[in-house]
Structure formats: C-alpha cells, structure tokens
Amino acid sequence: MDDKLRQRAYALWERSGKADGSEMDFWLQAEREVGARRRLNRCKNSRLSPIW
C-alpha cells in the first residue's frame, strides 16, 4: 500500500472529525489528490506542460 495515500486518507478522516462510515470517500479523495500531485511532478520533471 502506498504510504502517502494512506497518510492523506487518514488526514482527511481526522480533519472531518473522524466521521464513521466515510472511509471509502476519504480513500477515493486521497487517491485523486495523490494521483494529481504525482502527475504534476512527472510533468515538472519532464519539463512538459500538463494536458488537462
């Protein structure tokens, strides 16, 4: 499991007041955020412009 993804999902859960029943929502949000950050870093590292 990706540690950054796990940490981000946990931070989102904590920020929500540790709401029960929304674990999947936090996980999916973390996947979107971490994935976007990785895509942006890849673009910066390759000196290409993002395509979105």
PDB file of N, CA and C in Angstrom:
ATOM      1  N   MET A   1       0.845  -1.187   0.000  1.00  0.00           N
ATOM      2  CA  MET A   1       0.000   0.000   0.000  1.00  0.00           C
ATOM      3  C   MET A   1       0.885   1.244   0.000  1.00  0.00           C
ATOM      4  N   ASP A   2       0.454   2.237  -0.689  1.00  0.00           N
ATOM      5  CA  ASP A   2       1.190   3.492  -0.792  1.00  0.00           C
ATOM      6  C   ASP A   2       1.064   4.271   0.519  1.00  0.00           C
ATOM      7  N   ASP A   3       2.191   4.563   1.132  1.00  0.00           N
ATOM      8  CA  ASP A   3       2.184   5.247   2.426  1.00  0.00           C
ATOM      9  C   ASP A   3       1.625   6.667   2.312  1.00  0.00           C
ATOM     10  N   LYS A   4       1.951   7.382   1.222  1.00  0.00           N
ATOM     11  CA  LYS A   4       1.433   8.741   1.061  1.00  0.00           C
ATOM     12  C   LYS A   4      -0.082   8.737   0.927  1.00  0.00           C
ATOM     13  N   LEU A   5      -0.590   7.762   0.222  1.00  0.00           N
ATOM     14  CA  LEU A   5      -2.032   7.637   0.052  1.00  0.00           C
ATOM     15  C   LEU A   5      -2.710   7.355   1.392  1.00  0.00           C
ATOM     16  N   ARG A   6      -2.157   6.437   2.145  1.00  0.00           N
ATOM     17  CA  ARG A   6      -2.706   6.100   3.459  1.00  0.00           C
ATOM     18  C   ARG A   6      -2.673   7.310   4.386  1.00  0.00           C
ATOM     19  N   GLN A   7      -1.553   8.025   4.391  1.00  0.00           N
ATOM     20  CA  GLN A   7      -1.428   9.193   5.260  1.00  0.00           C
ATOM     21  C   GLN A   7      -2.417  10.289   4.882  1.00  0.00           C
ATOM     22  N   ARG A   8      -2.612  10.490   3.572  1.00  0.00           N
ATOM     23  CA  ARG A   8      -3.546  11.530   3.133  1.00  0.00           C
ATOM     24  C   ARG A   8      -4.983  11.165   3.498  1.00  0.00           C
ATOM     25  N   ALA A   9      -5.358   9.912   3.283  1.00  0.00           N
ATOM     26  CA  ALA A   9      -6.708   9.464   3.651  1.00  0.00           C
ATOM     27  C   ALA A   9      -6.929   9.631   5.154  1.00  0.00           C
ATOM     28  N   TYR A  10      -5.930   9.301   5.943  1.00  0.00           N
ATOM     29  CA  TYR A  10      -6.036   9.448   7.393  1.00  0.00           C
ATOM     30  C   TYR A  10      -6.197  10.923   7.773  1.00  0.00           C
ATOM     31  N   ALA A  11      -5.434  11.802   7.127  1.00  0.00           N
ATOM     32  CA  ALA A  11      -5.528  13.234   7.421  1.00  0.00           C
ATOM     33  C   ALA A  11      -6.917  13.770   7.067  1.00  0.00           C
ATOM     34  N   LEU A  12      -7.467  13.325   5.947  1.00  0.00           N
ATOM     35  CA  LEU A  12      -8.819  13.746   5.572  1.00  0.00           C
ATOM     36  C   LEU A  12      -9.836  13.270   6.599  1.00  0.00           C
ATOM     37  N   TRP A  13      -9.681  12.045   7.058  1.00  0.00           N
ATOM     38  CA  TRP A  13     -10.580  11.475   8.069  1.00  0.00           C
ATOM     39  C   TRP A  13     -10.497  12.270   9.365  1.00  0.00           C
ATOM     40  N   GLU A  14      -9.271  12.582   9.797  1.00  0.00           N
ATOM     41  CA  GLU A  14      -9.092  13.370  11.027  1.00  0.00           C
ATOM     42  C   GLU A  14      -9.712  14.749  10.886  1.00  0.00           C
ATOM     43  N   ARG A  15      -9.480  15.382   9.736  1.00  0.00           N
ATOM     44  CA  ARG A  15      -9.994  16.730   9.514  1.00  0.00           C
ATOM     45  C   ARG A  15     -11.526  16.761   9.544  1.00  0.00           C
ATOM     46  N   SER A  16     -12.149  15.634   9.201  1.00  0.00           N
ATOM     47  CA  SER A  16     -13.611  15.570   9.180  1.00  0.00           C
ATOM     48  C   SER A  16     -14.200  15.355  10.569  1.00  0.00           C
ATOM     49  N   GLY A  17     -13.329  15.218  11.562  1.00  0.00           N
ATOM     50  CA  GLY A  17     -13.814  14.922  12.906  1.00  0.00           C
ATOM     51  C   GLY A  17     -13.927  13.430  13.145  1.00  0.00           C
ATOM     52  N   LYS A  18     -13.216  12.659  12.329  1.00  0.00           N
ATOM     53  CA  LYS A  18     -13.172  11.191  12.444  1.00  0.00           C
ATOM     54  C   LYS A  18     -14.550  10.570  12.245  1.00  0.00           C
ATOM     55  N   ALA A  19     -15.205  11.032  11.184  1.00  0.00           N
ATOM     56  CA  ALA A  19     -16.556  10.562  10.861  1.00  0.00           C
ATOM     57  C   ALA A  19     -16.558   9.076  10.511  1.00  0.00           C
ATOM     58  N   ASP A  20     -17.502   8.362  11.093  1.00  0.00           N
ATOM     59  CA  ASP A  20     -17.669   6.942  10.774  1.00  0.00           C
ATOM     60  C   ASP A  20     -18.441   6.787   9.474  1.00  0.00           C
ATOM     61  N   GLY A  21     -18.137   5.725   8.745  1.00  0.00           N
ATOM     62  CA  GLY A  21     -18.896   5.380   7.557  1.00  0.00           C
ATOM     63  C   GLY A  21     -18.469   6.068   6.283  1.00  0.00           C
ATOM     64  N   SER A  22     -17.430   6.890   6.316  1.00  0.00           N
ATOM     65  CA  SER A  22     -16.996   7.606   5.111  1.00  0.00           C
ATOM     66  C   SER A  22     -15.588   7.224   4.694  1.00  0.00           C
ATOM     67  N   GLU A  23     -15.130   6.081   5.148  1.00  0.00           N
ATOM     68  CA  GLU A  23     -13.751   5.673   4.868  1.00  0.00           C
ATOM     69  C   GLU A  23     -13.456   5.627   3.379  1.00  0.00           C
ATOM     70  N   MET A  24     -14.394   5.072   2.600  1.00  0.00           N
ATOM     71  CA  MET A  24     -14.172   4.964   1.157  1.00  0.00           C
ATOM     72  C   MET A  24     -14.104   6.337   0.507  1.00  0.00           C
ATOM     73  N   ASP A  25     -14.918   7.266   0.980  1.00  0.00           N
ATOM     74  CA  ASP A  25     -14.882   8.628   0.438  1.00  0.00           C
ATOM     75  C   ASP A  25     -13.515   9.265   0.679  1.00  0.00           C
ATOM     76  N   PHE A  26     -12.983   9.103   1.884  1.00  0.00           N
ATOM     77  CA  PHE A  26     -11.668   9.665   2.196  1.00  0.00           C
ATOM     78  C   PHE A  26     -10.585   8.999   1.361  1.00  0.00           C
ATOM     79  N   TRP A  27     -10.689   7.694   1.189  1.00  0.00           N
ATOM     80  CA  TRP A  27      -9.697   6.950   0.408  1.00  0.00           C
ATOM     81  C   TRP A  27      -9.714   7.419  -1.055  1.00  0.00           C
ATOM     82  N   LEU A  28     -10.900   7.550  -1.629  1.00  0.00           N
ATOM     83  CA  LEU A  28     -11.010   7.963  -3.023  1.00  0.00           C
ATOM     84  C   LEU A  28     -10.530   9.403  -3.213  1.00  0.00           C
ATOM     85  N   GLN A  29     -10.835  10.268  -2.260  1.00  0.00           N
ATOM     86  CA  GLN A  29     -10.338  11.645  -2.327  1.00  0.00           C
ATOM     87  C   GLN A  29      -8.820  11.661  -2.247  1.00  0.00           C
ATOM     88  N   ALA A  30      -8.249  10.869  -1.374  1.00  0.00           N
ATOM     89  CA  ALA A  30      -6.789  10.785  -1.253  1.00  0.00           C
ATOM     90  C   ALA A  30      -6.179  10.270  -2.552  1.00  0.00           C
ATOM     91  N   GLU A  31      -6.811   9.284  -3.183  1.00  0.00           N
ATOM     92  CA  GLU A  31      -6.304   8.779  -4.466  1.00  0.00           C
ATOM     93  C   GLU A  31      -6.289   9.883  -5.517  1.00  0.00           C
ATOM     94  N   ARG A  32      -7.348  10.673  -5.565  1.00  0.00           N
ATOM     95  CA  ARG A  32      -7.401  11.771  -6.543  1.00  0.00           C
ATOM     96  C   ARG A  32      -6.292  12.793  -6.276  1.00  0.00           C
ATOM     97  N   GLU A  33      -6.143  13.176  -5.020  1.00  0.00           N
ATOM     98  CA  GLU A  33      -5.153  14.200  -4.675  1.00  0.00           C
ATOM     99  C   GLU A  33      -3.727  13.711  -4.897  1.00  0.00           C
ATOM    100  N   VAL A  34      -3.433  12.523  -4.426  1.00  0.00           N
ATOM    101  CA  VAL A  34      -2.080  11.979  -4.563  1.00  0.00           C
ATOM    102  C   VAL A  34      -1.768  11.728  -6.044  1.00  0.00           C
ATOM    103  N   GLY A  35      -2.743  11.215  -6.789  1.00  0.00           N
ATOM    104  CA  GLY A  35      -2.537  10.984  -8.218  1.00  0.00           C
ATOM    105  C   GLY A  35      -2.281  12.276  -8.970  1.00  0.00           C
ATOM    106  N   ALA A  36      -3.034  13.317  -8.666  1.00  0.00           N
ATOM    107  CA  ALA A  36      -2.842  14.609  -9.323  1.00  0.00           C
ATOM    108  C   ALA A  36      -1.465  15.172  -9.004  1.00  0.00           C
ATOM    109  N   ARG A  37      -1.051  15.037  -7.756  1.00  0.00           N
ATOM    110  CA  ARG A  37       0.268  15.529  -7.349  1.00  0.00           C
ATOM    111  C   ARG A  37       1.373  14.786  -8.109  1.00  0.00           C
ATOM    112  N   ARG A  38       1.217  13.486  -8.271  1.00  0.00           N
ATOM    113  CA  ARG A  38       2.221  12.690  -8.994  1.00  0.00           C
ATOM    114  C   ARG A  38       2.275  13.070 -10.473  1.00  0.00           C
ATOM    115  N   ARG A  39       1.092  13.276 -11.077  1.00  0.00           N
ATOM    116  CA  ARG A  39       1.070  13.680 -12.483  1.00  0.00           C
ATOM    117  C   ARG A  39       1.743  15.026 -12.667  1.00  0.00           C
ATOM    118  N   LEU A  40       1.473  15.965 -11.771  1.00  0.00           N
ATOM    119  CA  LEU A  40       2.085  17.278 -11.849  1.00  0.00           C
ATOM    120  C   LEU A  40       3.599  17.174 -11.697  1.00  0.00           C
ATOM    121  N   ASN A  41       4.055  16.359 -10.756  1.00  0.00           N
ATOM    122  CA  ASN A  41       5.500  16.188 -10.562  1.00  0.00           C
ATOM    123  C   ASN A  41       6.153  15.564 -11.783  1.00  0.00           C
ATOM    124  N   ARG A  42       5.462  14.599 -12.420  1.00  0.00           N
ATOM    125  CA  ARG A  42       6.002  13.989 -13.636  1.00  0.00           C
ATOM    126  C   ARG A  42       6.152  15.034 -14.730  1.00  0.00           C
ATOM    127  N   CYS A  43       5.169  15.907 -14.861  1.00  0.00           N
ATOM    128  CA  CYS A  43       5.240  16.964 -15.869  1.00  0.00           C
ATOM    129  C   CYS A  43       6.391  17.916 -15.570  1.00  0.00           C
ATOM    130  N   LYS A  44       6.532  18.292 -14.309  1.00  0.00           N
ATOM    131  CA  LYS A  44       7.629  19.190 -13.932  1.00  0.00           C
ATOM    132  C   LYS A  44       8.979  18.542 -14.196  1.00  0.00           C
ATOM    133  N   ASN A  45       9.096  17.260 -13.870  1.00  0.00           N
ATOM    134  CA  ASN A  45      10.366  16.560 -14.051  1.00  0.00           C
ATOM    135  C   ASN A  45      10.708  16.359 -15.519  1.00  0.00           C
ATOM    136  N   SER A  46       9.697  16.239 -16.370  1.00  0.00           N
ATOM    137  CA  SER A  46       9.954  16.026 -17.790  1.00  0.00           C
ATOM    138  C   SER A  46       9.914  17.342 -18.570  1.00  0.00           C
ATOM    139  N   ARG A  47       9.615  18.423 -17.871  1.00  0.00           N
ATOM    140  CA  ARG A  47       9.530  19.768 -18.465  1.00  0.00           C
ATOM    141  C   ARG A  47       8.432  19.861 -19.524  1.00  0.00           C
ATOM    142  N   LEU A  48       7.388  19.044 -19.360  1.00  0.00           N
ATOM    143  CA  LEU A  48       6.239  19.101 -20.245  1.00  0.00           C
ATOM    144  C   LEU A  48       5.112  19.848 -19.559  1.00  0.00           C
ATOM    145  N   SER A  49       4.216  20.372 -20.344  1.00  0.00           N
ATOM    146  CA  SER A  49       3.039  21.036 -19.786  1.00  0.00           C
ATOM    147  C   SER A  49       1.962  19.995 -19.508  1.00  0.00           C
ATOM    148  N   PRO A  50       1.205  20.165 -18.443  1.00  0.00           N
ATOM    149  CA  PRO A  50       0.086  19.262 -18.184  1.00  0.00           C
ATOM    150  C   PRO A  50      -0.923  19.325 -19.321  1.00  0.00           C
ATOM    151  N   ILE A  51      -1.619  18.229 -19.574  1.00  0.00           N
ATOM    152  CA  ILE A  51      -2.573  18.148 -20.673  1.00  0.00           C
ATOM    153  C   ILE A  51      -3.994  18.301 -20.183  1.00  0.00           C
ATOM    154  N   TRP A  52      -4.254  18.826 -19.031  1.00  0.00           N
ATOM    155  CA  TRP A  52      -5.631  18.984 -18.575  1.00  0.00           C
ATOM    156  C   TRP A  52      -6.001  20.420 -18.429  1.00  0.00           C
TER     157      TRP A  52
END
